[in-house]
Structures are given as C-alpha cells and as structure tokens.
C-alpha atoms as a PDB file:
ATOM      1  CA  MET A   1       0.000   0.000   0.000  1.00  0.00           C
ATOM      2  CA  ALA A   2       1.162   3.488  -0.797  1.00  0.00           C
ATOM      3  CA  ARG A   3       1.551   6.120   1.918  1.00  0.00           C
ATOM      4  CA  TRP A   4       0.072   9.584   1.280  1.00  0.00           C
ATOM      5  CA  THR A   5       0.507  12.890   3.127  1.00  0.00           C
ATOM      6  CA  VAL A   6      -1.391  16.165   2.854  1.00  0.00           C
ATOM      7  CA  PHE A   7       0.552  19.400   3.230  1.00  0.00           C
ATOM      8  CA  ALA A   8      -0.983  22.847   3.612  1.00  0.00           C
ATOM      9  CA  CYS A   9       0.773  26.090   2.811  1.00  0.00           C
ATOM     10  CA  PRO A  10      -0.726  29.457   3.709  1.00  0.00           C
ATOM     11  CA  VAL A  11      -0.372  32.075   0.996  1.00  0.00           C
ATOM     12  CA  HIS A  12       0.826  35.327   2.574  1.00  0.00           C
ATOM     13  CA  ARG A  13       0.505  38.724   1.014  1.00  0.00           C
ATOM     14  CA  GLY A  14       2.815  40.607   3.369  1.00  0.00           C
ATOM     15  CA  ILE A  15       6.436  41.474   2.667  1.00  0.00           C
ATOM     16  CA  GLY A  16       8.951  39.401   4.588  1.00  0.00           C
ATOM     17  CA  GLU A  17       6.466  36.831   5.847  1.00  0.00           C
ATOM     18  CA  SER A  18       7.725  33.277   5.699  1.00  0.00           C
ATOM     19  CA  ILE A  19       5.832  30.595   3.863  1.00  0.00           C
ATOM     20  CA  GLY A  20       5.976  27.123   5.313  1.00  0.00           C
ATOM     21  CA  PHE A  21       4.290  23.803   4.732  1.00  0.00           C
ATOM     22  CA  GLU A  22       2.428  22.049   7.531  1.00  0.00           C
ATOM     23  CA  GLU A  23       1.662  18.354   7.497  1.00  0.00           C
ATOM     24  CA  LYS A  24      -2.103  17.981   7.908  1.00  0.00           C
ATOM     25  CA  GLY A  25      -2.706  14.263   7.660  1.00  0.00           C
ATOM     26  CA  GLU A  26      -1.563  10.877   6.433  1.00  0.00           C
ATOM     27  CA  PHE A  27      -3.343   8.081   4.647  1.00  0.00           C
ATOM     28  CA  GLU A  28      -2.414   4.598   3.515  1.00  0.00           C
ATOM     29  CA  GLY A  29      -4.179   3.116   0.519  1.00  0.00           C
ATOM     30  CA  THR A  30      -4.487   3.079  -3.238  1.00  0.00           C
ATOM     31  CA  GLU A  31      -4.229   6.214  -5.343  1.00  0.00           C
ATOM     32  CA  GLU A  32      -7.990   6.239  -5.945  1.00  0.00           C
ATOM     33  CA  GLU A  33      -8.679   5.963  -2.203  1.00  0.00           C
ATOM     34  CA  ALA A  34      -6.150   8.706  -1.438  1.00  0.00           C
ATOM     35  CA  LEU A  35      -7.667  11.070  -4.024  1.00  0.00           C
ATOM     36  CA  ALA A  36     -11.158  10.573  -2.567  1.00  0.00           C
ATOM     37  CA  TRP A  37      -9.839  11.035   0.993  1.00  0.00           C
ATOM     38  CA  PHE A  38      -8.007  14.215  -0.062  1.00  0.00           C
ATOM     39  CA  ALA A  39     -11.017  15.727  -1.859  1.00  0.00           C
ATOM     40  CA  GLU A  40     -13.133  15.171   1.243  1.00  0.00           C
ATOM     41  CA  ARG A  41     -10.540  16.808   3.508  1.00  0.00           C
ATOM     42  CA  ALA A  42     -10.070  19.773   1.153  1.00  0.00           C
ATOM     43  CA  GLY A  43     -13.804  20.445   1.183  1.00  0.00           C
ATOM     44  CA  GLY A  44     -13.799  20.741   4.974  1.00  0.00           C
ATOM     45  CA  TYR A  45     -10.439  22.470   5.487  1.00  0.00           C
ATOM     46  CA  THR A  46     -10.469  25.218   8.159  1.00  0.00           C
ATOM     47  CA  ALA A  47      -6.728  25.862   8.802  1.00  0.00           C
ATOM     48  CA  ASP A  48      -7.468  25.371  12.515  1.00  0.00           C
ATOM     49  CA  ARG A  49      -9.623  28.512  12.533  1.00  0.00           C
ATOM     50  CA  LYS A  50     -12.478  28.475  15.044  1.00  0.00           C
ATOM     51  CA  LYS A  51     -15.017  30.231  12.847  1.00  0.00           C
ATOM     52  CA  VAL A  52     -15.156  30.121   9.089  1.00  0.00           C
ATOM     53  CA  ARG A  53     -18.086  32.028   7.626  1.00  0.00           C
ATOM     54  CA  ARG A  54     -17.426  30.988   4.060  1.00  0.00           C
ATOM     55  CA  ARG A  55     -15.086  28.498   2.388  1.00  0.00           C
ATOM     56  CA  GLU A  56     -14.207  28.515  -1.308  1.00  0.00           C
ATOM     57  CA  VAL A  57     -12.406  25.461  -2.672  1.00  0.00           C
ATOM     58  CA  PHE A  58     -10.757  25.480  -6.097  1.00  0.00           C
ATOM     59  CA  LYS A  59      -9.332  22.330  -7.671  1.00  0.00           C
ATOM     60  CA  SER A  60      -6.153  22.915  -9.652  1.00  0.00           C
ATOM     61  CA  SER A  61      -5.404  19.197 -10.113  1.00  0.00           C
ATOM     62  CA  ASP A  62      -6.311  15.876  -8.500  1.00  0.00           C
ATOM     63  CA  ARG A  63      -3.486  16.447  -6.027  1.00  0.00           C
ATOM     64  CA  SER A  64      -3.742  20.204  -5.450  1.00  0.00           C
ATOM     65  CA  TYR A  65      -6.475  22.481  -4.119  1.00  0.00           C
ATOM     66  CA  PHE A  66      -6.616  26.208  -3.385  1.00  0.00           C
ATOM     67  CA  VAL A  67      -8.806  27.168  -0.413  1.00  0.00           C
ATOM     68  CA  ARG A  68     -10.025  30.666   0.456  1.00  0.00           C
ATOM     69  CA  LEU A  69     -11.357  30.984   4.021  1.00  0.00           C
ATOM     70  CA  HIS A  70     -13.491  33.968   4.942  1.00  0.00           C
ATOM     71  CA  GLY A  71     -13.766  34.876   8.612  1.00  0.00           C
ATOM     72  CA  ARG A  72     -15.471  37.795  10.292  1.00  0.00           C
ATOM     73  CA  PHE A  73     -12.521  40.146   9.889  1.00  0.00           C
ATOM     74  CA  MET A  74     -10.040  38.395   7.636  1.00  0.00           C
ATOM     75  CA  THR A  75      -9.746  36.205   4.552  1.00  0.00           C
ATOM     76  CA  THR A  76      -6.893  33.708   4.324  1.00  0.00           C
ATOM     77  CA  LEU A  77      -5.609  31.700   1.360  1.00  0.00           C
ATOM     78  CA  HIS A  78      -4.153  28.187   1.450  1.00  0.00           C
ATOM     79  CA  VAL A  79      -2.715  25.663  -0.985  1.00  0.00           C
ATOM     80  CA  LEU A  80      -3.272  21.984  -0.158  1.00  0.00           C
ATOM     81  CA  ARG A  81      -1.164  19.270  -1.761  1.00  0.00           C
ATOM     82  CA  LEU A  82      -1.435  15.501  -1.710  1.00  0.00           C
ATOM     83  CA  THR A  83       1.935  13.775  -1.899  1.00  0.00           C
ATOM     84  CA  GLU A  84       2.874  10.112  -2.239  1.00  0.00           C
ATOM     85  CA  ARG A  85       5.831   8.692  -0.358  1.00  0.00           C
ATOM     86  CA  ILE A  86       8.192   7.226  -2.928  1.00  0.00           C
ATOM     87  CA  SER A  87      11.154   6.471  -0.689  1.00  0.00           C
ATOM     88  CA  ASP A  88      11.888   5.761   2.966  1.00  0.00           C
ATOM     89  CA  THR A  89      15.359   4.682   4.060  1.00  0.00           C
ATOM     90  CA  GLY A  90      13.874   3.354   7.309  1.00  0.00           C
ATOM     91  CA  LEU A  91      11.966   0.635   5.478  1.00  0.00           C
ATOM     92  CA  SER A  92      13.539  -2.633   4.447  1.00  0.00           C
ATOM     93  CA  GLY A  93      13.025  -3.622   0.858  1.00  0.00           C
ATOM     94  CA  PRO A  94      14.768  -4.211  -2.431  1.00  0.00           C
ATOM     95  CA  THR A  95      17.988  -2.250  -2.733  1.00  0.00           C
ATOM     96  CA  ASP A  96      18.791  -3.085  -6.340  1.00  0.00           C
ATOM     97  CA  ALA A  97      16.677  -0.244  -7.766  1.00  0.00           C
ATOM     98  CA  PRO A  98      18.724   2.245  -9.778  1.00  0.00           C
ATOM     99  CA  ASP A  99      19.407   5.634  -8.238  1.00  0.00           C
ATOM    100  CA  PRO A 100      17.404   8.162 -10.305  1.00  0.00           C
ATOM    101  CA  PHE A 101      19.819  10.933  -9.324  1.00  0.00           C
ATOM    102  CA  ALA A 102      23.047   9.126 -10.205  1.00  0.00           C
ATOM    103  CA  ALA A 103      25.086  10.346 -13.159  1.00  0.00           C
ATOM    104  CA  PRO A 104      24.597   8.248 -16.299  1.00  0.00           C
ATOM    105  CA  GLY A 105      26.933   5.233 -16.432  1.00  0.00           C
ATOM    106  CA  THR A 106      27.626   5.167 -12.670  1.00  0.00           C
ATOM    107  CA  THR A 107      26.421   2.703 -10.090  1.00  0.00           C
ATOM    108  CA  ASP A 108      26.056   3.081  -6.369  1.00  0.00           C
END
C-alpha cells in the first residue's frame, strides 16, 4: 500500500512573511482511495480557525487544491497538496533499484 501525506501552505501577502508547509494528515491506501480522501478533507479544510463564515475550494489538479477561508474580519488563502511517499530509508526492501539521481553510467 502506498503512503500519502497532505501538506498545507498558507499564501501570505505581506512582505517578509515566511511561507511554510504544515503536514495535515496521512493516509495509507491506493491512489484512488487517497484522491477521494483528499477531496473530502479539502472540502472541509479550516486551517485550525475556530469560525469560518465561508469556504471557497478550487481544484487545480487531483493532487492540489486552493482554499479561500473567509472569517469575520479576515480572509486567508491556502494551498493543499497531496503527496505520495516514494522512498523511505527506514523501510527494508529491495535495494537493487537504480538511483534516479546518479550520473549516467555510474552505479552506487
């Protein structure tokens, strides 16, 4: 089974504000199951805000949504991304797979 993680990134408009990704959830299953799970989560995303008066969700791809949250005094923007784990050095498994980042003609 594949392992999937959702990351959220607030979109800031201010100068000098840092932009960082936050891990919002994990899921283990097929790609179809992960896409359905992600779409459901995106539709209910609140960015940990207590009161959301209005939520607009825009789909940019199966694995990326843009969410606009309207509160009483402020509107915030967020990008949500679904990512699939493709490597984990802590897991045992086949080690004979070629290194995709190795220079052509080299082995390691």
